[in-house]
Amino acid sequence: MGYAIFAARKLMLTNRLNQVRFRILALSQQQMTLSQAAGDKQRYLSYTKNIFNNLSNSAVNNFLTAQKTQLEQQYGQNGINDPTAFSNAMNNAWQQINLFSNTINQNNQALDLSASYEMERIKDIENQIELEKKTLETQEKAMTAELQEIEKKEDSEIKNSAPKFA
């Protein structure tokens, strides 16, 4: 009778142990996917900021060239005809460029903020997964120890229940 109880408990433990191990494996896979997503997010952020910066640099250079060309046509080479008006117009162009640059910087800061929130969210999920994994690993150790103890008792019960001939 004892053997049957140990065998049933062993089957239940083995089943539960397999479920826990499968869940640990699934959580590990989730962690890898999250890590990959975090890396992809960082690469995308870097790529996007690089595009913004390249476009802004190109726009600034084109704007300055166009402004200078227009002002030189209006005021002569380097403002010879009216240096004060030329200088004022160039200062106005620089102010417009600074406003544009500030807008680009604000966009970059917004991207950084958005990415940091996303990274915090990913980190929180990774922490939750890690906590669940540790809990399951603790359960796995306890079940493994219990399973070994049951196997010993099962072997002992088999030896005790075997007929003894004198």
N, C-alpha and C. Protein backbone atom coordinates (compact mmCIF):
# COMPACT_ATOMS: atom_id res chain seq x y z
N MET A 1 0.82 -1.19 0.00
CA MET A 1 0.00 0.00 0.00
C MET A 1 0.87 1.26 0.00
N GLY A 2 1.94 1.29 0.81
CA GLY A 2 2.83 2.44 0.90
C GLY A 2 3.50 2.72 -0.44
N TYR A 3 3.82 1.64 -1.16
CA TYR A 3 4.46 1.80 -2.46
C TYR A 3 3.54 2.56 -3.41
N ALA A 4 2.27 2.24 -3.43
CA ALA A 4 1.30 2.89 -4.33
C ALA A 4 1.17 4.37 -4.00
N ILE A 5 1.16 4.70 -2.72
CA ILE A 5 1.06 6.11 -2.32
C ILE A 5 2.30 6.87 -2.78
N PHE A 6 3.48 6.27 -2.57
CA PHE A 6 4.72 6.92 -3.00
C PHE A 6 4.77 7.05 -4.53
N ALA A 7 4.31 6.04 -5.24
CA ALA A 7 4.32 6.08 -6.70
C ALA A 7 3.38 7.19 -7.20
N ALA A 8 2.20 7.31 -6.58
CA ALA A 8 1.25 8.36 -6.99
C ALA A 8 1.84 9.74 -6.71
N ARG A 9 2.42 9.91 -5.53
CA ARG A 9 3.02 11.20 -5.18
C ARG A 9 4.18 11.51 -6.11
N LYS A 10 4.95 10.50 -6.46
CA LYS A 10 6.08 10.68 -7.37
C LYS A 10 5.59 11.16 -8.74
N LEU A 11 4.50 10.58 -9.22
CA LEU A 11 3.94 11.00 -10.51
C LEU A 11 3.44 12.45 -10.46
N MET A 12 2.76 12.79 -9.36
CA MET A 12 2.27 14.16 -9.21
C MET A 12 3.42 15.15 -9.14
N LEU A 13 4.45 14.81 -8.37
CA LEU A 13 5.62 15.70 -8.26
C LEU A 13 6.35 15.84 -9.59
N THR A 14 6.51 14.73 -10.28
CA THR A 14 7.20 14.76 -11.58
C THR A 14 6.43 15.66 -12.55
N ASN A 15 5.11 15.53 -12.55
CA ASN A 15 4.28 16.36 -13.42
C ASN A 15 4.44 17.85 -13.06
N ARG A 16 4.32 18.16 -11.79
CA ARG A 16 4.45 19.56 -11.34
C ARG A 16 5.86 20.10 -11.62
N LEU A 17 6.86 19.27 -11.40
CA LEU A 17 8.25 19.66 -11.66
C LEU A 17 8.44 19.99 -13.14
N ASN A 18 7.87 19.18 -14.00
CA ASN A 18 7.95 19.45 -15.44
C ASN A 18 7.26 20.77 -15.80
N GLN A 19 6.11 21.03 -15.16
CA GLN A 19 5.40 22.29 -15.41
C GLN A 19 6.23 23.49 -14.96
N VAL A 20 6.85 23.38 -13.80
CA VAL A 20 7.69 24.47 -13.28
C VAL A 20 8.89 24.69 -14.19
N ARG A 21 9.52 23.62 -14.62
CA ARG A 21 10.68 23.75 -15.52
C ARG A 21 10.29 24.37 -16.85
N PHE A 22 9.12 23.99 -17.35
CA PHE A 22 8.64 24.56 -18.60
C PHE A 22 8.39 26.06 -18.43
N ARG A 23 7.80 26.46 -17.31
CA ARG A 23 7.54 27.88 -17.04
C ARG A 23 8.85 28.66 -16.91
N ILE A 24 9.84 28.07 -16.25
CA ILE A 24 11.16 28.72 -16.14
C ILE A 24 11.76 28.92 -17.53
N LEU A 25 11.64 27.91 -18.37
CA LEU A 25 12.14 28.02 -19.74
C LEU A 25 11.40 29.13 -20.50
N ALA A 26 10.08 29.19 -20.34
CA ALA A 26 9.29 30.23 -21.01
C ALA A 26 9.70 31.62 -20.52
N LEU A 27 9.93 31.74 -19.22
CA LEU A 27 10.35 33.04 -18.66
C LEU A 27 11.73 33.44 -19.17
N SER A 28 12.62 32.48 -19.30
CA SER A 28 13.95 32.77 -19.85
C SER A 28 13.84 33.27 -21.29
N GLN A 29 12.95 32.65 -22.04
CA GLN A 29 12.72 33.08 -23.42
C GLN A 29 12.15 34.49 -23.44
N GLN A 30 11.24 34.79 -22.53
CA GLN A 30 10.68 36.14 -22.43
C GLN A 30 11.76 37.16 -22.12
N GLN A 31 12.67 36.80 -21.22
CA GLN A 31 13.77 37.70 -20.88
C GLN A 31 14.63 38.00 -22.09
N MET A 32 14.94 36.97 -22.86
CA MET A 32 15.76 37.18 -24.06
C MET A 32 15.04 38.08 -25.05
N THR A 33 13.74 37.87 -25.21
CA THR A 33 12.95 38.69 -26.13
C THR A 33 12.93 40.15 -25.68
N LEU A 34 12.77 40.36 -24.37
CA LEU A 34 12.78 41.73 -23.84
C LEU A 34 14.14 42.39 -24.02
N SER A 35 15.20 41.64 -23.78
CA SER A 35 16.54 42.19 -23.97
C SER A 35 16.76 42.58 -25.42
N GLN A 36 16.28 41.75 -26.30
CA GLN A 36 16.40 42.03 -27.73
C GLN A 36 15.58 43.28 -28.08
N ALA A 37 14.38 43.38 -27.51
CA ALA A 37 13.53 44.55 -27.77
C ALA A 37 14.19 45.82 -27.25
N ALA A 38 14.82 45.74 -26.09
CA ALA A 38 15.51 46.91 -25.53
C ALA A 38 16.66 47.34 -26.44
N GLY A 39 17.42 46.39 -26.93
CA GLY A 39 18.51 46.70 -27.85
C GLY A 39 17.99 47.31 -29.14
N ASP A 40 16.91 46.74 -29.67
CA ASP A 40 16.30 47.28 -30.89
C ASP A 40 15.82 48.71 -30.66
N LYS A 41 15.22 48.94 -29.49
CA LYS A 41 14.72 50.28 -29.16
C LYS A 41 15.87 51.28 -29.11
N GLN A 42 16.98 50.89 -28.50
CA GLN A 42 18.14 51.79 -28.40
C GLN A 42 18.71 52.08 -29.79
N ARG A 43 18.80 51.05 -30.63
CA ARG A 43 19.31 51.25 -31.99
C ARG A 43 18.38 52.17 -32.79
N TYR A 44 17.07 51.97 -32.64
CA TYR A 44 16.10 52.80 -33.35
C TYR A 44 16.21 54.24 -32.89
N LEU A 45 16.35 54.46 -31.59
CA LEU A 45 16.49 55.81 -31.05
C LEU A 45 17.73 56.48 -31.62
N SER A 46 18.83 55.78 -31.60
CA SER A 46 20.08 56.32 -32.12
C SER A 46 19.95 56.66 -33.60
N TYR A 47 19.33 55.76 -34.36
CA TYR A 47 19.13 55.97 -35.79
C TYR A 47 18.25 57.20 -36.04
N THR A 48 17.16 57.31 -35.28
CA THR A 48 16.23 58.43 -35.45
C THR A 48 16.90 59.75 -35.11
N LYS A 49 17.63 59.78 -34.00
CA LYS A 49 18.32 61.01 -33.62
C LYS A 49 19.38 61.38 -34.66
N ASN A 50 20.06 60.38 -35.20
CA ASN A 50 21.06 60.63 -36.22
C ASN A 50 20.41 61.24 -37.47
N ILE A 51 19.25 60.72 -37.85
CA ILE A 51 18.54 61.28 -39.01
C ILE A 51 18.14 62.73 -38.74
N PHE A 52 17.56 62.97 -37.54
CA PHE A 52 17.19 64.35 -37.19
C PHE A 52 18.39 65.28 -37.26
N ASN A 53 19.49 64.85 -36.69
CA ASN A 53 20.68 65.70 -36.67
C ASN A 53 21.23 65.94 -38.07
N ASN A 54 21.26 64.89 -38.90
CA ASN A 54 21.74 65.07 -40.27
C ASN A 54 20.83 65.99 -41.07
N LEU A 55 19.52 65.80 -40.91
CA LEU A 55 18.57 66.66 -41.62
C LEU A 55 18.68 68.11 -41.14
N SER A 56 18.83 68.28 -39.83
CA SER A 56 18.92 69.65 -39.31
C SER A 56 20.22 70.31 -39.77
N ASN A 57 21.32 69.58 -39.76
CA ASN A 57 22.59 70.15 -40.24
C ASN A 57 22.49 70.54 -41.71
N SER A 58 21.88 69.67 -42.49
CA SER A 58 21.71 69.94 -43.91
C SER A 58 20.79 71.15 -44.12
N ALA A 59 19.71 71.21 -43.35
CA ALA A 59 18.78 72.33 -43.48
C ALA A 59 19.44 73.64 -43.08
N VAL A 60 20.22 73.61 -42.01
CA VAL A 60 20.91 74.82 -41.55
C VAL A 60 21.90 75.29 -42.62
N ASN A 61 22.68 74.37 -43.14
CA ASN A 61 23.66 74.74 -44.18
C ASN A 61 22.97 75.30 -45.42
N ASN A 62 21.88 74.64 -45.85
CA ASN A 62 21.15 75.13 -47.03
C ASN A 62 20.54 76.51 -46.76
N PHE A 63 19.98 76.68 -45.57
CA PHE A 63 19.37 77.96 -45.21
C PHE A 63 20.42 79.07 -45.19
N LEU A 64 21.57 78.78 -44.55
CA LEU A 64 22.63 79.80 -44.48
C LEU A 64 23.14 80.17 -45.87
N THR A 65 23.35 79.17 -46.70
CA THR A 65 23.83 79.42 -48.06
C THR A 65 22.82 80.27 -48.83
N ALA A 66 21.54 79.90 -48.73
CA ALA A 66 20.50 80.64 -49.44
C ALA A 66 20.40 82.07 -48.91
N GLN A 67 20.45 82.22 -47.59
CA GLN A 67 20.37 83.56 -46.99
C GLN A 67 21.54 84.42 -47.42
N LYS A 68 22.73 83.84 -47.34
CA LYS A 68 23.93 84.60 -47.70
C LYS A 68 23.89 85.01 -49.17
N THR A 69 23.48 84.08 -50.03
CA THR A 69 23.39 84.38 -51.46
C THR A 69 22.38 85.49 -51.70
N GLN A 70 21.23 85.39 -51.07
CA GLN A 70 20.19 86.41 -51.25
C GLN A 70 20.66 87.77 -50.73
N LEU A 71 21.29 87.74 -49.55
CA LEU A 71 21.75 89.01 -48.97
C LEU A 71 22.90 89.62 -49.76
N GLU A 72 23.77 88.80 -50.33
CA GLU A 72 24.87 89.32 -51.15
C GLU A 72 24.34 89.92 -52.45
N GLN A 73 23.27 89.32 -52.98
CA GLN A 73 22.66 89.90 -54.17
C GLN A 73 22.02 91.25 -53.83
N GLN A 74 21.48 91.32 -52.64
CA GLN A 74 20.79 92.54 -52.22
C GLN A 74 21.77 93.62 -51.76
N TYR A 75 22.81 93.21 -51.00
CA TYR A 75 23.72 94.20 -50.40
C TYR A 75 25.14 94.16 -50.95
N GLY A 76 25.39 93.36 -51.93
CA GLY A 76 26.73 93.26 -52.49
C GLY A 76 27.55 92.21 -51.74
N GLN A 77 28.71 91.87 -52.32
CA GLN A 77 29.61 90.86 -51.74
C GLN A 77 29.96 91.24 -50.31
N ASN A 78 29.62 90.32 -49.36
CA ASN A 78 29.88 90.52 -47.93
C ASN A 78 29.31 91.84 -47.40
N GLY A 79 28.22 92.30 -48.03
CA GLY A 79 27.51 93.49 -47.53
C GLY A 79 28.22 94.80 -47.80
N ILE A 80 29.00 94.89 -48.89
CA ILE A 80 29.78 96.10 -49.19
C ILE A 80 28.87 97.33 -49.30
N ASN A 81 27.73 97.17 -49.93
CA ASN A 81 26.85 98.32 -50.18
C ASN A 81 26.22 98.86 -48.89
N ASP A 82 25.88 97.95 -47.96
CA ASP A 82 25.26 98.39 -46.68
C ASP A 82 25.65 97.39 -45.59
N PRO A 83 26.84 97.53 -45.02
CA PRO A 83 27.33 96.56 -44.05
C PRO A 83 26.43 96.38 -42.84
N THR A 84 25.81 97.44 -42.37
CA THR A 84 24.95 97.34 -41.18
C THR A 84 23.71 96.52 -41.48
N ALA A 85 23.06 96.78 -42.59
CA ALA A 85 21.85 96.02 -42.96
C ALA A 85 22.21 94.56 -43.22
N PHE A 86 23.35 94.36 -43.88
CA PHE A 86 23.80 92.99 -44.14
C PHE A 86 24.04 92.26 -42.83
N SER A 87 24.73 92.90 -41.90
CA SER A 87 25.03 92.30 -40.60
C SER A 87 23.74 92.01 -39.83
N ASN A 88 22.79 92.94 -39.86
CA ASN A 88 21.51 92.73 -39.17
C ASN A 88 20.74 91.55 -39.79
N ALA A 89 20.76 91.49 -41.10
CA ALA A 89 20.06 90.40 -41.79
C ALA A 89 20.71 89.04 -41.46
N MET A 90 22.04 89.02 -41.42
CA MET A 90 22.74 87.78 -41.08
C MET A 90 22.46 87.38 -39.63
N ASN A 91 22.42 88.38 -38.72
CA ASN A 91 22.09 88.08 -37.33
C ASN A 91 20.68 87.51 -37.22
N ASN A 92 19.76 88.05 -38.00
CA ASN A 92 18.39 87.53 -38.02
C ASN A 92 18.37 86.08 -38.51
N ALA A 93 19.17 85.80 -39.53
CA ALA A 93 19.27 84.42 -40.04
C ALA A 93 19.81 83.49 -38.95
N TRP A 94 20.82 83.96 -38.21
CA TRP A 94 21.39 83.13 -37.13
C TRP A 94 20.36 82.90 -36.03
N GLN A 95 19.55 83.90 -35.74
CA GLN A 95 18.50 83.71 -34.73
C GLN A 95 17.50 82.64 -35.18
N GLN A 96 17.15 82.68 -36.45
CA GLN A 96 16.24 81.66 -36.97
C GLN A 96 16.87 80.27 -36.88
N ILE A 97 18.15 80.19 -37.17
CA ILE A 97 18.86 78.92 -37.07
C ILE A 97 18.89 78.43 -35.62
N ASN A 98 19.13 79.35 -34.69
CA ASN A 98 19.13 78.97 -33.27
C ASN A 98 17.76 78.45 -32.83
N LEU A 99 16.69 79.10 -33.29
CA LEU A 99 15.34 78.62 -32.97
C LEU A 99 15.13 77.21 -33.53
N PHE A 100 15.57 77.04 -34.76
CA PHE A 100 15.45 75.72 -35.40
C PHE A 100 16.25 74.67 -34.63
N SER A 101 17.47 75.02 -34.25
CA SER A 101 18.33 74.09 -33.49
C SER A 101 17.71 73.75 -32.14
N ASN A 102 17.12 74.75 -31.49
CA ASN A 102 16.45 74.49 -30.21
C ASN A 102 15.29 73.52 -30.39
N THR A 103 14.57 73.67 -31.49
CA THR A 103 13.45 72.75 -31.77
C THR A 103 13.97 71.33 -31.96
N ILE A 104 15.06 71.19 -32.70
CA ILE A 104 15.66 69.87 -32.90
C ILE A 104 16.13 69.30 -31.56
N ASN A 105 16.75 70.13 -30.74
CA ASN A 105 17.19 69.66 -29.42
C ASN A 105 16.02 69.23 -28.56
N GLN A 106 14.93 69.97 -28.61
CA GLN A 106 13.73 69.58 -27.86
C GLN A 106 13.18 68.25 -28.36
N ASN A 107 13.20 68.07 -29.68
CA ASN A 107 12.76 66.78 -30.24
C ASN A 107 13.65 65.64 -29.75
N ASN A 108 14.96 65.88 -29.74
CA ASN A 108 15.89 64.86 -29.25
C ASN A 108 15.64 64.55 -27.78
N GLN A 109 15.39 65.59 -26.99
CA GLN A 109 15.10 65.38 -25.57
C GLN A 109 13.81 64.60 -25.39
N ALA A 110 12.80 64.90 -26.20
CA ALA A 110 11.54 64.17 -26.13
C ALA A 110 11.75 62.70 -26.49
N LEU A 111 12.56 62.46 -27.51
CA LEU A 111 12.88 61.08 -27.89
C LEU A 111 13.60 60.36 -26.74
N ASP A 112 14.56 61.05 -26.13
CA ASP A 112 15.29 60.45 -25.00
C ASP A 112 14.36 60.14 -23.84
N LEU A 113 13.46 61.06 -23.54
CA LEU A 113 12.52 60.86 -22.44
C LEU A 113 11.60 59.68 -22.72
N SER A 114 11.08 59.64 -23.93
CA SER A 114 10.20 58.53 -24.33
C SER A 114 10.95 57.20 -24.24
N ALA A 115 12.18 57.19 -24.71
CA ALA A 115 12.97 55.96 -24.68
C ALA A 115 13.29 55.56 -23.24
N SER A 116 13.55 56.54 -22.38
CA SER A 116 13.86 56.19 -20.98
C SER A 116 12.64 55.60 -20.29
N TYR A 117 11.44 56.13 -20.58
CA TYR A 117 10.23 55.54 -20.01
C TYR A 117 10.04 54.11 -20.51
N GLU A 118 10.28 53.92 -21.79
CA GLU A 118 10.14 52.58 -22.36
C GLU A 118 11.16 51.62 -21.75
N MET A 119 12.37 52.09 -21.56
CA MET A 119 13.40 51.24 -20.96
C MET A 119 13.07 50.92 -19.50
N GLU A 120 12.51 51.89 -18.78
CA GLU A 120 12.09 51.62 -17.40
C GLU A 120 10.99 50.57 -17.37
N ARG A 121 10.06 50.68 -18.31
CA ARG A 121 8.97 49.69 -18.39
C ARG A 121 9.53 48.30 -18.68
N ILE A 122 10.46 48.23 -19.61
CA ILE A 122 11.08 46.94 -19.94
C ILE A 122 11.85 46.41 -18.74
N LYS A 123 12.55 47.29 -18.04
CA LYS A 123 13.32 46.88 -16.85
C LYS A 123 12.38 46.35 -15.77
N ASP A 124 11.24 47.02 -15.58
CA ASP A 124 10.26 46.55 -14.59
C ASP A 124 9.74 45.16 -14.95
N ILE A 125 9.46 44.95 -16.21
CA ILE A 125 8.98 43.64 -16.65
C ILE A 125 10.07 42.59 -16.44
N GLU A 126 11.32 42.95 -16.78
CA GLU A 126 12.43 42.01 -16.56
C GLU A 126 12.58 41.67 -15.08
N ASN A 127 12.41 42.67 -14.20
CA ASN A 127 12.49 42.41 -12.76
C ASN A 127 11.38 41.47 -12.29
N GLN A 128 10.17 41.68 -12.81
CA GLN A 128 9.05 40.79 -12.45
C GLN A 128 9.33 39.37 -12.92
N ILE A 129 9.85 39.25 -14.11
CA ILE A 129 10.17 37.92 -14.64
C ILE A 129 11.25 37.28 -13.78
N GLU A 130 12.26 38.04 -13.41
CA GLU A 130 13.35 37.50 -12.60
C GLU A 130 12.84 37.03 -11.23
N LEU A 131 11.94 37.81 -10.63
CA LEU A 131 11.36 37.41 -9.34
C LEU A 131 10.56 36.12 -9.47
N GLU A 132 9.76 36.03 -10.53
CA GLU A 132 8.97 34.80 -10.74
C GLU A 132 9.90 33.62 -10.98
N LYS A 133 10.97 33.85 -11.77
CA LYS A 133 11.92 32.76 -12.02
C LYS A 133 12.57 32.27 -10.72
N LYS A 134 12.96 33.20 -9.87
CA LYS A 134 13.60 32.82 -8.61
C LYS A 134 12.62 32.03 -7.73
N THR A 135 11.38 32.46 -7.70
CA THR A 135 10.36 31.73 -6.93
C THR A 135 10.20 30.32 -7.47
N LEU A 136 10.11 30.22 -8.79
CA LEU A 136 9.94 28.90 -9.41
C LEU A 136 11.18 28.03 -9.21
N GLU A 137 12.34 28.63 -9.28
CA GLU A 137 13.57 27.86 -9.07
C GLU A 137 13.65 27.34 -7.63
N THR A 138 13.18 28.14 -6.68
CA THR A 138 13.12 27.69 -5.29
C THR A 138 12.15 26.52 -5.15
N GLN A 139 10.99 26.65 -5.80
CA GLN A 139 10.01 25.55 -5.78
C GLN A 139 10.60 24.31 -6.44
N GLU A 140 11.33 24.51 -7.54
CA GLU A 140 11.93 23.39 -8.25
C GLU A 140 12.91 22.65 -7.34
N LYS A 141 13.73 23.38 -6.61
CA LYS A 141 14.69 22.75 -5.70
C LYS A 141 13.96 21.95 -4.62
N ALA A 142 12.92 22.56 -4.05
CA ALA A 142 12.16 21.88 -3.00
C ALA A 142 11.50 20.61 -3.54
N MET A 143 10.92 20.71 -4.72
CA MET A 143 10.26 19.53 -5.31
C MET A 143 11.27 18.45 -5.68
N THR A 144 12.42 18.87 -6.17
CA THR A 144 13.47 17.90 -6.51
C THR A 144 13.93 17.16 -5.26
N ALA A 145 14.12 17.91 -4.17
CA ALA A 145 14.52 17.27 -2.91
C ALA A 145 13.43 16.32 -2.42
N GLU A 146 12.18 16.75 -2.51
CA GLU A 146 11.07 15.89 -2.08
C GLU A 146 10.98 14.65 -2.97
N LEU A 147 11.19 14.83 -4.26
CA LEU A 147 11.15 13.70 -5.18
C LEU A 147 12.25 12.69 -4.86
N GLN A 148 13.43 13.17 -4.54
CA GLN A 148 14.51 12.26 -4.17
C GLN A 148 14.18 11.51 -2.89
N GLU A 149 13.58 12.21 -1.93
CA GLU A 149 13.19 11.58 -0.67
C GLU A 149 12.10 10.52 -0.91
N ILE A 150 11.16 10.83 -1.77
CA ILE A 150 10.10 9.87 -2.08
C ILE A 150 10.67 8.65 -2.78
N GLU A 151 11.62 8.88 -3.69
CA GLU A 151 12.24 7.74 -4.39
C GLU A 151 12.97 6.83 -3.40
N LYS A 152 13.63 7.43 -2.41
CA LYS A 152 14.29 6.62 -1.37
C LYS A 152 13.27 5.81 -0.58
N LYS A 153 12.19 6.48 -0.18
CA LYS A 153 11.15 5.79 0.59
C LYS A 153 10.46 4.72 -0.25
N GLU A 154 10.29 5.01 -1.52
CA GLU A 154 9.68 4.05 -2.43
C GLU A 154 10.56 2.80 -2.54
N ASP A 155 11.87 3.02 -2.71
CA ASP A 155 12.80 1.89 -2.77
C ASP A 155 12.77 1.10 -1.47
N SER A 156 12.74 1.82 -0.37
CA SER A 156 12.69 1.16 0.95
C SER A 156 11.41 0.36 1.09
N GLU A 157 10.29 0.92 0.64
CA GLU A 157 8.99 0.23 0.73
C GLU A 157 8.99 -1.02 -0.14
N ILE A 158 9.61 -0.92 -1.30
CA ILE A 158 9.69 -2.09 -2.19
C ILE A 158 10.49 -3.19 -1.50
N LYS A 159 11.62 -2.82 -0.89
CA LYS A 159 12.44 -3.82 -0.20
C LYS A 159 11.69 -4.44 0.97
N ASN A 160 10.95 -3.60 1.71
CA ASN A 160 10.20 -4.10 2.87
C ASN A 160 9.03 -4.97 2.48
N SER A 161 8.43 -4.67 1.32
CA SER A 161 7.26 -5.44 0.94
C SER A 161 7.58 -6.72 0.18
N ALA A 162 8.83 -6.87 -0.19
CA ALA A 162 9.22 -8.10 -0.91
C ALA A 162 9.14 -9.30 0.04
N PRO A 163 8.61 -10.41 -0.46
CA PRO A 163 8.52 -11.60 0.42
C PRO A 163 9.93 -12.09 0.79
N LYS A 164 10.02 -12.52 2.02
CA LYS A 164 11.30 -13.00 2.53
C LYS A 164 11.17 -14.49 2.77
N PHE A 165 12.01 -15.23 2.16
CA PHE A 165 12.01 -16.68 2.33
C PHE A 165 13.18 -17.08 3.18
N ALA A 166 12.86 -17.95 4.07
CA ALA A 166 13.90 -18.37 5.01
C ALA A 166 14.67 -19.54 4.50
